[in-house]
Amino acid sequence: MINLLMGFFIATLITELFTTRLFRLIMWYSLNSLFLGLIAIYNGYLINDKAMFITGIITLLVKFIAIPYILKYFFLKFNISRNIKPGLSIQYAVIIVPIVLVFTFYLITPLFADFIHSNYVALSISALMLSLLLMIEHKNIAAKIIGFLSIENSLFLLGISATEGMPMLVELGIFVDLLMLIVIINILFKYQGE
């Protein structure tokens, strides 16, 4: 089950890289967050960690429902262009994505050979690299914001997969980052409106 959820997580992230419409990008980010929340809930259930289970539910409420709704509201309010053209052409992206996936698996798996979830750690780091690529390749400010949120999803997945449960301090740090994101969005929209 966890392999299926991780596969869907990385598939939605790869689809974000090739999306050229803003609201579809928000939809794919929302689905990415859905699978992240389900992974957290499932891991919390497997290791009987109530904190991770609750974190998964909060992730679903905040990242799957609230943030996409808020982003869509702001993008409509400030009349952000719905056409987002990636700076990287599709031909190069089709080559780069498998290279990133294979490179991280061959680099990370031997380092964590004794670790039970070495494949999950490698997948999390490749998701982090792909999220960074998503943020770098777009010139549109809205796509950069969603790229930043995808980086945060990848870091959250890395925290879940690298440890058997996350310390509550790390979980709180992730949600403080979300509050900082809202401040960043306000600043960016303020300067774009001028």
N, C-alpha and C. Protein backbone atom coordinates (compact mmCIF):
# COMPACT_ATOMS: atom_id res chain seq x y z
N MET A 1 0.82 -1.20 0.00
CA MET A 1 0.00 0.00 0.00
C MET A 1 0.86 1.27 0.00
N ILE A 2 1.93 1.26 0.82
CA ILE A 2 2.78 2.44 0.90
C ILE A 2 3.51 2.68 -0.42
N ASN A 3 3.87 1.57 -1.12
CA ASN A 3 4.52 1.72 -2.42
C ASN A 3 3.59 2.38 -3.43
N LEU A 4 2.32 2.02 -3.39
CA LEU A 4 1.34 2.62 -4.29
C LEU A 4 1.17 4.11 -4.00
N LEU A 5 1.06 4.47 -2.73
CA LEU A 5 0.91 5.88 -2.36
C LEU A 5 2.15 6.69 -2.72
N MET A 6 3.34 6.12 -2.51
CA MET A 6 4.57 6.81 -2.89
C MET A 6 4.64 6.98 -4.41
N GLY A 7 4.20 5.96 -5.14
CA GLY A 7 4.18 6.06 -6.60
C GLY A 7 3.26 7.16 -7.07
N PHE A 8 2.07 7.25 -6.46
CA PHE A 8 1.14 8.32 -6.83
C PHE A 8 1.70 9.69 -6.45
N PHE A 9 2.39 9.75 -5.32
CA PHE A 9 2.99 11.01 -4.89
C PHE A 9 3.99 11.52 -5.92
N ILE A 10 4.90 10.65 -6.35
CA ILE A 10 5.92 11.08 -7.32
C ILE A 10 5.30 11.32 -8.69
N ALA A 11 4.27 10.55 -9.04
CA ALA A 11 3.61 10.74 -10.35
C ALA A 11 2.92 12.09 -10.43
N THR A 12 2.25 12.50 -9.36
CA THR A 12 1.61 13.82 -9.39
C THR A 12 2.64 14.94 -9.43
N LEU A 13 3.78 14.72 -8.79
CA LEU A 13 4.84 15.73 -8.82
C LEU A 13 5.44 15.84 -10.22
N ILE A 14 5.64 14.73 -10.89
CA ILE A 14 6.15 14.76 -12.26
C ILE A 14 5.14 15.43 -13.18
N THR A 15 3.86 15.18 -12.96
CA THR A 15 2.82 15.81 -13.77
C THR A 15 2.82 17.32 -13.56
N GLU A 16 3.12 17.77 -12.35
CA GLU A 16 3.22 19.21 -12.10
C GLU A 16 4.28 19.86 -12.98
N LEU A 17 5.35 19.14 -13.25
CA LEU A 17 6.44 19.68 -14.06
C LEU A 17 5.99 19.98 -15.49
N PHE A 18 5.04 19.20 -15.99
CA PHE A 18 4.64 19.33 -17.39
C PHE A 18 3.34 20.11 -17.56
N THR A 19 2.77 20.61 -16.49
CA THR A 19 1.50 21.33 -16.56
C THR A 19 1.73 22.77 -17.04
N THR A 20 0.84 23.22 -17.95
CA THR A 20 0.97 24.57 -18.49
C THR A 20 -0.20 25.47 -18.10
N ARG A 21 -1.15 24.96 -17.33
CA ARG A 21 -2.29 25.77 -16.89
C ARG A 21 -2.23 25.89 -15.37
N LEU A 22 -2.51 27.09 -14.88
CA LEU A 22 -2.34 27.39 -13.46
C LEU A 22 -3.26 26.58 -12.56
N PHE A 23 -4.55 26.52 -12.89
CA PHE A 23 -5.48 25.82 -12.01
C PHE A 23 -5.26 24.31 -12.05
N ARG A 24 -4.77 23.80 -13.16
CA ARG A 24 -4.41 22.38 -13.18
C ARG A 24 -3.18 22.12 -12.31
N LEU A 25 -2.27 23.09 -12.28
CA LEU A 25 -1.10 22.97 -11.40
C LEU A 25 -1.53 22.93 -9.94
N ILE A 26 -2.50 23.78 -9.60
CA ILE A 26 -3.04 23.77 -8.23
C ILE A 26 -3.70 22.43 -7.94
N MET A 27 -4.44 21.89 -8.92
CA MET A 27 -5.10 20.59 -8.73
C MET A 27 -4.07 19.49 -8.50
N TRP A 28 -2.99 19.49 -9.29
CA TRP A 28 -1.97 18.45 -9.12
C TRP A 28 -1.24 18.60 -7.79
N TYR A 29 -1.01 19.85 -7.37
CA TYR A 29 -0.41 20.06 -6.05
C TYR A 29 -1.34 19.54 -4.96
N SER A 30 -2.63 19.77 -5.13
CA SER A 30 -3.61 19.31 -4.15
C SER A 30 -3.61 17.78 -4.07
N LEU A 31 -3.56 17.12 -5.21
CA LEU A 31 -3.50 15.65 -5.21
C LEU A 31 -2.19 15.15 -4.60
N ASN A 32 -1.10 15.86 -4.86
CA ASN A 32 0.18 15.52 -4.27
C ASN A 32 0.09 15.58 -2.75
N SER A 33 -0.57 16.62 -2.25
CA SER A 33 -0.75 16.77 -0.80
C SER A 33 -1.68 15.70 -0.24
N LEU A 34 -2.68 15.29 -1.04
CA LEU A 34 -3.58 14.21 -0.61
C LEU A 34 -2.79 12.93 -0.37
N PHE A 35 -1.93 12.58 -1.32
CA PHE A 35 -1.14 11.35 -1.16
C PHE A 35 -0.14 11.47 -0.03
N LEU A 36 0.40 12.67 0.18
CA LEU A 36 1.30 12.89 1.31
C LEU A 36 0.56 12.67 2.64
N GLY A 37 -0.64 13.22 2.75
CA GLY A 37 -1.43 13.02 3.96
C GLY A 37 -1.79 11.56 4.18
N LEU A 38 -2.13 10.86 3.09
CA LEU A 38 -2.47 9.44 3.21
C LEU A 38 -1.25 8.61 3.61
N ILE A 39 -0.07 8.99 3.12
CA ILE A 39 1.16 8.29 3.53
C ILE A 39 1.40 8.48 5.02
N ALA A 40 1.21 9.71 5.49
CA ALA A 40 1.41 9.98 6.92
C ALA A 40 0.41 9.21 7.77
N ILE A 41 -0.85 9.19 7.34
CA ILE A 41 -1.88 8.46 8.09
C ILE A 41 -1.58 6.96 8.10
N TYR A 42 -1.18 6.42 6.95
CA TYR A 42 -0.90 4.99 6.86
C TYR A 42 0.32 4.62 7.70
N ASN A 43 1.38 5.46 7.64
CA ASN A 43 2.55 5.20 8.49
C ASN A 43 2.20 5.30 9.96
N GLY A 44 1.38 6.29 10.32
CA GLY A 44 0.95 6.42 11.71
C GLY A 44 0.17 5.21 12.17
N TYR A 45 -0.63 4.65 11.28
CA TYR A 45 -1.39 3.44 11.61
C TYR A 45 -0.46 2.23 11.76
N LEU A 46 0.54 2.12 10.85
CA LEU A 46 1.43 0.96 10.88
C LEU A 46 2.29 0.92 12.14
N ILE A 47 2.85 2.07 12.51
CA ILE A 47 3.75 2.08 13.67
C ILE A 47 3.04 2.50 14.95
N ASN A 48 1.73 2.65 14.87
CA ASN A 48 0.90 3.01 16.01
C ASN A 48 1.37 4.32 16.66
N ASP A 49 1.57 5.33 15.81
CA ASP A 49 2.01 6.65 16.25
C ASP A 49 0.85 7.62 16.06
N LYS A 50 0.22 8.00 17.16
CA LYS A 50 -0.94 8.88 17.08
C LYS A 50 -0.58 10.27 16.58
N ALA A 51 0.63 10.74 16.91
CA ALA A 51 1.05 12.07 16.47
C ALA A 51 1.16 12.13 14.96
N MET A 52 1.71 11.08 14.35
CA MET A 52 1.82 11.07 12.89
C MET A 52 0.45 10.92 12.24
N PHE A 53 -0.42 10.16 12.86
CA PHE A 53 -1.79 10.00 12.35
C PHE A 53 -2.51 11.35 12.35
N ILE A 54 -2.38 12.08 13.45
CA ILE A 54 -3.00 13.41 13.55
C ILE A 54 -2.35 14.38 12.56
N THR A 55 -1.02 14.28 12.39
CA THR A 55 -0.32 15.13 11.43
C THR A 55 -0.82 14.86 10.01
N GLY A 56 -1.08 13.60 9.69
CA GLY A 56 -1.63 13.26 8.37
C GLY A 56 -3.00 13.87 8.15
N ILE A 57 -3.82 13.85 9.18
CA ILE A 57 -5.16 14.46 9.06
C ILE A 57 -5.05 15.97 8.90
N ILE A 58 -4.16 16.59 9.69
CA ILE A 58 -3.96 18.05 9.57
C ILE A 58 -3.41 18.39 8.19
N THR A 59 -2.51 17.54 7.67
CA THR A 59 -1.97 17.76 6.33
C THR A 59 -3.07 17.72 5.29
N LEU A 60 -3.99 16.78 5.43
CA LEU A 60 -5.12 16.71 4.49
C LEU A 60 -5.97 17.98 4.57
N LEU A 61 -6.24 18.42 5.80
CA LEU A 61 -7.09 19.61 5.95
C LEU A 61 -6.41 20.88 5.45
N VAL A 62 -5.12 21.03 5.78
CA VAL A 62 -4.42 22.27 5.43
C VAL A 62 -3.95 22.26 3.98
N LYS A 63 -3.18 21.22 3.60
CA LYS A 63 -2.53 21.23 2.29
C LYS A 63 -3.43 20.72 1.16
N PHE A 64 -4.33 19.82 1.46
CA PHE A 64 -5.20 19.28 0.41
C PHE A 64 -6.43 20.16 0.19
N ILE A 65 -6.94 20.78 1.25
CA ILE A 65 -8.18 21.55 1.11
C ILE A 65 -7.93 23.05 1.20
N ALA A 66 -7.32 23.52 2.29
CA ALA A 66 -7.25 24.97 2.56
C ALA A 66 -6.30 25.70 1.63
N ILE A 67 -5.07 25.24 1.49
CA ILE A 67 -4.09 25.98 0.70
C ILE A 67 -4.48 26.08 -0.77
N PRO A 68 -4.92 25.00 -1.44
CA PRO A 68 -5.34 25.18 -2.84
C PRO A 68 -6.50 26.15 -2.99
N TYR A 69 -7.44 26.13 -2.04
CA TYR A 69 -8.56 27.07 -2.10
C TYR A 69 -8.07 28.51 -1.94
N ILE A 70 -7.17 28.75 -0.99
CA ILE A 70 -6.63 30.09 -0.76
C ILE A 70 -5.83 30.56 -1.97
N LEU A 71 -5.00 29.67 -2.52
CA LEU A 71 -4.21 30.04 -3.70
C LEU A 71 -5.10 30.39 -4.88
N LYS A 72 -6.13 29.60 -5.11
CA LYS A 72 -7.04 29.88 -6.23
C LYS A 72 -7.74 31.21 -6.02
N TYR A 73 -8.14 31.49 -4.80
CA TYR A 73 -8.79 32.77 -4.48
C TYR A 73 -7.85 33.94 -4.78
N PHE A 74 -6.59 33.84 -4.30
CA PHE A 74 -5.63 34.93 -4.52
C PHE A 74 -5.29 35.09 -6.00
N PHE A 75 -5.13 33.98 -6.71
CA PHE A 75 -4.78 34.07 -8.12
C PHE A 75 -5.90 34.69 -8.94
N LEU A 76 -7.15 34.41 -8.55
CA LEU A 76 -8.28 35.05 -9.23
C LEU A 76 -8.38 36.52 -8.85
N LYS A 77 -8.16 36.81 -7.57
CA LYS A 77 -8.28 38.19 -7.08
C LYS A 77 -7.26 39.11 -7.74
N PHE A 78 -6.02 38.64 -7.88
CA PHE A 78 -4.97 39.46 -8.44
C PHE A 78 -4.80 39.26 -9.95
N ASN A 79 -5.72 38.50 -10.54
CA ASN A 79 -5.75 38.32 -11.99
C ASN A 79 -4.40 37.83 -12.53
N ILE A 80 -3.87 36.80 -11.89
CA ILE A 80 -2.61 36.20 -12.32
C ILE A 80 -2.86 35.42 -13.61
N SER A 81 -1.92 35.49 -14.52
CA SER A 81 -2.05 34.79 -15.79
C SER A 81 -2.22 33.29 -15.56
N ARG A 82 -3.22 32.72 -16.21
CA ARG A 82 -3.48 31.29 -16.02
C ARG A 82 -2.61 30.42 -16.92
N ASN A 83 -1.97 31.03 -17.87
CA ASN A 83 -1.09 30.30 -18.77
C ASN A 83 0.32 30.35 -18.20
N ILE A 84 0.85 29.23 -17.78
CA ILE A 84 2.19 29.20 -17.22
C ILE A 84 3.07 28.40 -18.17
N LYS A 85 4.02 29.07 -18.71
CA LYS A 85 4.93 28.44 -19.68
C LYS A 85 6.22 28.08 -18.98
N PRO A 86 6.58 26.80 -18.94
CA PRO A 86 7.85 26.43 -18.30
C PRO A 86 9.02 26.99 -19.09
N GLY A 87 10.08 27.38 -18.38
CA GLY A 87 11.28 27.87 -19.04
C GLY A 87 12.06 26.75 -19.69
N LEU A 88 11.86 25.52 -19.23
CA LEU A 88 12.55 24.35 -19.75
C LEU A 88 11.64 23.66 -20.75
N SER A 89 12.13 23.38 -21.94
CA SER A 89 11.27 22.74 -22.94
C SER A 89 10.97 21.30 -22.53
N ILE A 90 9.89 20.79 -23.05
CA ILE A 90 9.42 19.45 -22.67
C ILE A 90 10.44 18.39 -23.05
N GLN A 91 11.13 18.57 -24.18
CA GLN A 91 12.12 17.57 -24.61
C GLN A 91 13.22 17.42 -23.56
N TYR A 92 13.67 18.53 -23.00
CA TYR A 92 14.72 18.46 -21.97
C TYR A 92 14.17 17.92 -20.65
N ALA A 93 12.95 18.30 -20.32
CA ALA A 93 12.35 17.82 -19.07
C ALA A 93 12.15 16.31 -19.09
N VAL A 94 11.76 15.78 -20.26
CA VAL A 94 11.57 14.33 -20.39
C VAL A 94 12.89 13.59 -20.17
N ILE A 95 13.99 14.23 -20.49
CA ILE A 95 15.31 13.62 -20.27
C ILE A 95 15.75 13.80 -18.82
N ILE A 96 15.50 14.97 -18.26
CA ILE A 96 16.00 15.30 -16.92
C ILE A 96 15.29 14.49 -15.82
N VAL A 97 13.98 14.30 -15.94
CA VAL A 97 13.22 13.62 -14.88
C VAL A 97 13.73 12.20 -14.62
N PRO A 98 13.89 11.34 -15.65
CA PRO A 98 14.43 10.00 -15.35
C PRO A 98 15.87 10.04 -14.83
N ILE A 99 16.66 11.00 -15.32
CA ILE A 99 18.04 11.11 -14.84
C ILE A 99 18.06 11.42 -13.34
N VAL A 100 17.19 12.33 -12.91
CA VAL A 100 17.12 12.67 -11.48
C VAL A 100 16.67 11.46 -10.67
N LEU A 101 15.66 10.74 -11.16
CA LEU A 101 15.18 9.57 -10.42
C LEU A 101 16.25 8.49 -10.31
N VAL A 102 16.89 8.17 -11.42
CA VAL A 102 17.91 7.12 -11.40
C VAL A 102 19.13 7.55 -10.58
N PHE A 103 19.54 8.81 -10.74
CA PHE A 103 20.71 9.32 -10.02
C PHE A 103 20.49 9.24 -8.51
N THR A 104 19.33 9.68 -8.04
CA THR A 104 19.10 9.65 -6.59
C THR A 104 19.01 8.22 -6.06
N PHE A 105 18.42 7.31 -6.85
CA PHE A 105 18.35 5.93 -6.38
C PHE A 105 19.74 5.31 -6.29
N TYR A 106 20.58 5.56 -7.28
CA TYR A 106 21.93 4.98 -7.25
C TYR A 106 22.83 5.67 -6.25
N LEU A 107 22.55 6.91 -5.94
CA LEU A 107 23.37 7.63 -4.98
C LEU A 107 22.96 7.34 -3.54
N ILE A 108 21.65 7.32 -3.29
CA ILE A 108 21.15 7.23 -1.92
C ILE A 108 21.05 5.78 -1.42
N THR A 109 20.63 4.86 -2.27
CA THR A 109 20.39 3.49 -1.81
C THR A 109 21.64 2.86 -1.18
N PRO A 110 22.85 2.98 -1.76
CA PRO A 110 24.02 2.40 -1.06
C PRO A 110 24.34 3.09 0.26
N LEU A 111 24.05 4.38 0.36
CA LEU A 111 24.33 5.08 1.61
C LEU A 111 23.46 4.59 2.76
N PHE A 112 22.23 4.20 2.42
CA PHE A 112 21.28 3.74 3.43
C PHE A 112 20.99 2.25 3.26
N ALA A 113 22.01 1.47 2.89
CA ALA A 113 21.81 0.05 2.62
C ALA A 113 21.30 -0.70 3.85
N ASP A 114 21.77 -0.33 5.04
CA ASP A 114 21.33 -1.01 6.26
C ASP A 114 19.97 -0.52 6.72
N PHE A 115 19.52 0.57 6.16
CA PHE A 115 18.27 1.20 6.57
C PHE A 115 17.11 0.49 5.89
N ILE A 116 16.02 0.29 6.60
CA ILE A 116 14.88 -0.47 6.07
C ILE A 116 14.21 0.25 4.90
N HIS A 117 14.06 1.56 5.01
CA HIS A 117 13.31 2.32 4.01
C HIS A 117 14.23 3.10 3.08
N SER A 118 15.30 2.48 2.59
CA SER A 118 16.25 3.23 1.75
C SER A 118 15.61 3.67 0.44
N ASN A 119 14.71 2.87 -0.11
CA ASN A 119 14.03 3.26 -1.35
C ASN A 119 13.14 4.47 -1.12
N TYR A 120 12.50 4.54 0.03
CA TYR A 120 11.62 5.67 0.33
C TYR A 120 12.43 6.96 0.51
N VAL A 121 13.58 6.83 1.13
CA VAL A 121 14.45 8.00 1.30
C VAL A 121 14.92 8.48 -0.07
N ALA A 122 15.32 7.55 -0.94
CA ALA A 122 15.77 7.93 -2.29
C ALA A 122 14.64 8.58 -3.07
N LEU A 123 13.44 8.05 -2.95
CA LEU A 123 12.28 8.64 -3.64
C LEU A 123 11.96 10.02 -3.09
N SER A 124 12.12 10.20 -1.79
CA SER A 124 11.87 11.50 -1.18
C SER A 124 12.87 12.54 -1.66
N ILE A 125 14.13 12.15 -1.76
CA ILE A 125 15.15 13.09 -2.23
C ILE A 125 14.96 13.40 -3.70
N SER A 126 14.56 12.41 -4.49
CA SER A 126 14.28 12.70 -5.90
C SER A 126 13.07 13.62 -6.03
N ALA A 127 12.08 13.45 -5.16
CA ALA A 127 10.92 14.36 -5.16
C ALA A 127 11.37 15.77 -4.79
N LEU A 128 12.31 15.88 -3.87
CA LEU A 128 12.85 17.19 -3.50
C LEU A 128 13.55 17.84 -4.69
N MET A 129 14.34 17.07 -5.43
CA MET A 129 15.03 17.61 -6.60
C MET A 129 14.05 18.03 -7.69
N LEU A 130 13.01 17.22 -7.90
CA LEU A 130 12.02 17.55 -8.93
C LEU A 130 11.21 18.78 -8.52
N SER A 131 10.94 18.93 -7.24
CA SER A 131 10.23 20.12 -6.76
C SER A 131 11.08 21.37 -6.96
N LEU A 132 12.37 21.23 -6.71
CA LEU A 132 13.28 22.34 -6.95
C LEU A 132 13.32 22.70 -8.44
N LEU A 133 13.31 21.69 -9.28
CA LEU A 133 13.26 21.93 -10.73
C LEU A 133 11.97 22.65 -11.12
N LEU A 134 10.86 22.26 -10.49
CA LEU A 134 9.58 22.92 -10.76
C LEU A 134 9.65 24.39 -10.40
N MET A 135 10.27 24.69 -9.29
CA MET A 135 10.36 26.09 -8.85
C MET A 135 11.32 26.89 -9.74
N ILE A 136 12.37 26.27 -10.18
CA ILE A 136 13.37 26.97 -10.98
C ILE A 136 12.89 27.21 -12.41
N GLU A 137 12.20 26.23 -13.00
CA GLU A 137 11.91 26.30 -14.43
C GLU A 137 10.81 27.29 -14.81
N HIS A 138 9.99 27.73 -13.87
CA HIS A 138 8.90 28.65 -14.20
C HIS A 138 9.28 30.09 -13.89
N LYS A 139 8.80 30.98 -14.75
CA LYS A 139 9.01 32.41 -14.51
C LYS A 139 7.79 33.02 -13.82
N ASN A 140 6.65 32.35 -13.91
CA ASN A 140 5.42 32.84 -13.30
C ASN A 140 5.53 32.72 -11.78
N ILE A 141 5.15 33.77 -11.08
CA ILE A 141 5.27 33.80 -9.62
C ILE A 141 4.38 32.75 -8.96
N ALA A 142 3.19 32.50 -9.55
CA ALA A 142 2.27 31.51 -8.98
C ALA A 142 2.88 30.11 -9.04
N ALA A 143 3.52 29.78 -10.14
CA ALA A 143 4.15 28.46 -10.28
C ALA A 143 5.33 28.33 -9.31
N LYS A 144 6.04 29.43 -9.06
CA LYS A 144 7.14 29.39 -8.09
C LYS A 144 6.63 29.13 -6.68
N ILE A 145 5.48 29.71 -6.34
CA ILE A 145 4.87 29.48 -5.03
C ILE A 145 4.49 28.02 -4.88
N ILE A 146 3.87 27.46 -5.91
CA ILE A 146 3.49 26.05 -5.85
C ILE A 146 4.73 25.16 -5.83
N GLY A 147 5.80 25.58 -6.51
CA GLY A 147 7.06 24.84 -6.43
C GLY A 147 7.62 24.84 -5.02
N PHE A 148 7.53 25.99 -4.34
CA PHE A 148 7.98 26.06 -2.95
C PHE A 148 7.15 25.14 -2.06
N LEU A 149 5.85 25.12 -2.28
CA LEU A 149 4.98 24.23 -1.50
C LEU A 149 5.30 22.76 -1.79
N SER A 150 5.64 22.45 -3.03
CA SER A 150 6.01 21.08 -3.37
C SER A 150 7.33 20.68 -2.71
N ILE A 151 8.25 21.64 -2.59
CA ILE A 151 9.50 21.37 -1.87
C ILE A 151 9.18 21.01 -0.42
N GLU A 152 8.24 21.74 0.16
CA GLU A 152 7.86 21.46 1.54
C GLU A 152 7.21 20.08 1.67
N ASN A 153 6.38 19.70 0.70
CA ASN A 153 5.80 18.36 0.71
C ASN A 153 6.89 17.30 0.64
N SER A 154 7.90 17.54 -0.19
CA SER A 154 8.99 16.57 -0.33
C SER A 154 9.81 16.47 0.95
N LEU A 155 10.04 17.59 1.61
CA LEU A 155 10.75 17.55 2.88
C LEU A 155 9.95 16.82 3.95
N PHE A 156 8.65 17.02 3.93
CA PHE A 156 7.78 16.32 4.88
C PHE A 156 7.83 14.81 4.62
N LEU A 157 7.80 14.43 3.33
CA LEU A 157 7.90 13.01 2.98
C LEU A 157 9.25 12.43 3.40
N LEU A 158 10.30 13.22 3.24
CA LEU A 158 11.63 12.77 3.67
C LEU A 158 11.66 12.55 5.18
N GLY A 159 11.03 13.45 5.92
CA GLY A 159 10.96 13.29 7.37
C GLY A 159 10.19 12.05 7.78
N ILE A 160 9.12 11.77 7.06
CA ILE A 160 8.32 10.58 7.37
C ILE A 160 9.08 9.31 7.02
N SER A 161 9.74 9.30 5.85
CA SER A 161 10.37 8.07 5.39
C SER A 161 11.73 7.82 6.04
N ALA A 162 12.42 8.86 6.48
CA ALA A 162 13.75 8.67 7.07
C ALA A 162 13.68 8.27 8.54
N THR A 163 12.56 8.54 9.20
CA THR A 163 12.43 8.20 10.62
C THR A 163 11.18 7.38 10.83
N GLU A 164 11.16 6.66 11.89
CA GLU A 164 9.94 5.95 12.28
C GLU A 164 9.10 6.89 13.12
N GLY A 165 8.44 7.81 12.47
CA GLY A 165 7.69 8.82 13.19
C GLY A 165 8.52 10.09 13.26
N MET A 166 7.84 11.20 13.33
CA MET A 166 8.54 12.48 13.35
C MET A 166 8.37 13.12 14.71
N PRO A 167 9.41 13.76 15.20
CA PRO A 167 9.25 14.51 16.44
C PRO A 167 8.25 15.65 16.24
N MET A 168 7.52 15.95 17.26
CA MET A 168 6.48 16.98 17.16
C MET A 168 7.09 18.34 16.81
N LEU A 169 8.33 18.58 17.23
CA LEU A 169 8.98 19.85 16.92
C LEU A 169 9.15 20.03 15.42
N VAL A 170 9.52 18.95 14.71
CA VAL A 170 9.67 19.02 13.26
C VAL A 170 8.33 19.29 12.60
N GLU A 171 7.28 18.63 13.09
CA GLU A 171 5.95 18.84 12.54
C GLU A 171 5.50 20.29 12.72
N LEU A 172 5.75 20.84 13.89
CA LEU A 172 5.40 22.23 14.12
C LEU A 172 6.22 23.17 13.24
N GLY A 173 7.48 22.81 13.01
CA GLY A 173 8.32 23.62 12.13
C GLY A 173 7.79 23.66 10.71
N ILE A 174 7.22 22.55 10.25
CA ILE A 174 6.65 22.52 8.90
C ILE A 174 5.45 23.44 8.82
N PHE A 175 4.62 23.45 9.83
CA PHE A 175 3.44 24.31 9.78
C PHE A 175 3.79 25.79 10.01
N VAL A 176 4.90 26.05 10.71
CA VAL A 176 5.39 27.43 10.80
C VAL A 176 5.86 27.89 9.43
N ASP A 177 6.47 26.97 8.66
CA ASP A 177 6.86 27.30 7.28
C ASP A 177 5.64 27.67 6.45
N LEU A 178 4.53 27.01 6.69
CA LEU A 178 3.31 27.36 5.96
C LEU A 178 2.85 28.77 6.30
N LEU A 179 2.97 29.15 7.55
CA LEU A 179 2.61 30.51 7.92
C LEU A 179 3.55 31.52 7.25
N MET A 180 4.83 31.17 7.17
CA MET A 180 5.78 32.04 6.48
C MET A 180 5.43 32.14 5.00
N LEU A 181 4.93 31.05 4.44
CA LEU A 181 4.53 31.07 3.03
C LEU A 181 3.41 32.06 2.79
N ILE A 182 2.47 32.12 3.71
CA ILE A 182 1.36 33.06 3.56
C ILE A 182 1.89 34.49 3.59
N VAL A 183 2.87 34.75 4.46
CA VAL A 183 3.48 36.09 4.49
C VAL A 183 4.19 36.38 3.17
N ILE A 184 4.91 35.39 2.64
CA ILE A 184 5.61 35.57 1.36
C ILE A 184 4.62 35.84 0.24
N ILE A 185 3.51 35.09 0.23
CA ILE A 185 2.50 35.31 -0.81
C ILE A 185 1.96 36.73 -0.73
N ASN A 186 1.68 37.20 0.47
CA ASN A 186 1.18 38.57 0.62
C ASN A 186 2.18 39.59 0.10
N ILE A 187 3.45 39.40 0.41
CA ILE A 187 4.48 40.34 -0.05
C ILE A 187 4.60 40.30 -1.57
N LEU A 188 4.62 39.09 -2.13
CA LEU A 188 4.78 38.97 -3.58
C LEU A 188 3.60 39.58 -4.32
N PHE A 189 2.39 39.33 -3.84
CA PHE A 189 1.24 39.90 -4.51
C PHE A 189 1.17 41.40 -4.35
N LYS A 190 1.66 41.89 -3.22
CA LYS A 190 1.67 43.35 -3.00
C LYS A 190 2.58 44.03 -4.01
N TYR A 191 3.77 43.43 -4.23
CA TYR A 191 4.71 44.04 -5.17
C TYR A 191 4.30 43.81 -6.61
N GLN A 192 3.60 42.69 -6.88
CA GLN A 192 3.16 42.45 -8.25
C GLN A 192 2.00 43.38 -8.62
N GLY A 193 1.20 43.74 -7.62
CA GLY A 193 0.06 44.63 -7.86
C GLY A 193 0.49 46.05 -8.16
N GLU A 194 1.69 46.43 -7.75
CA GLU A 194 2.14 47.81 -7.94
C GLU A 194 2.70 48.01 -9.35
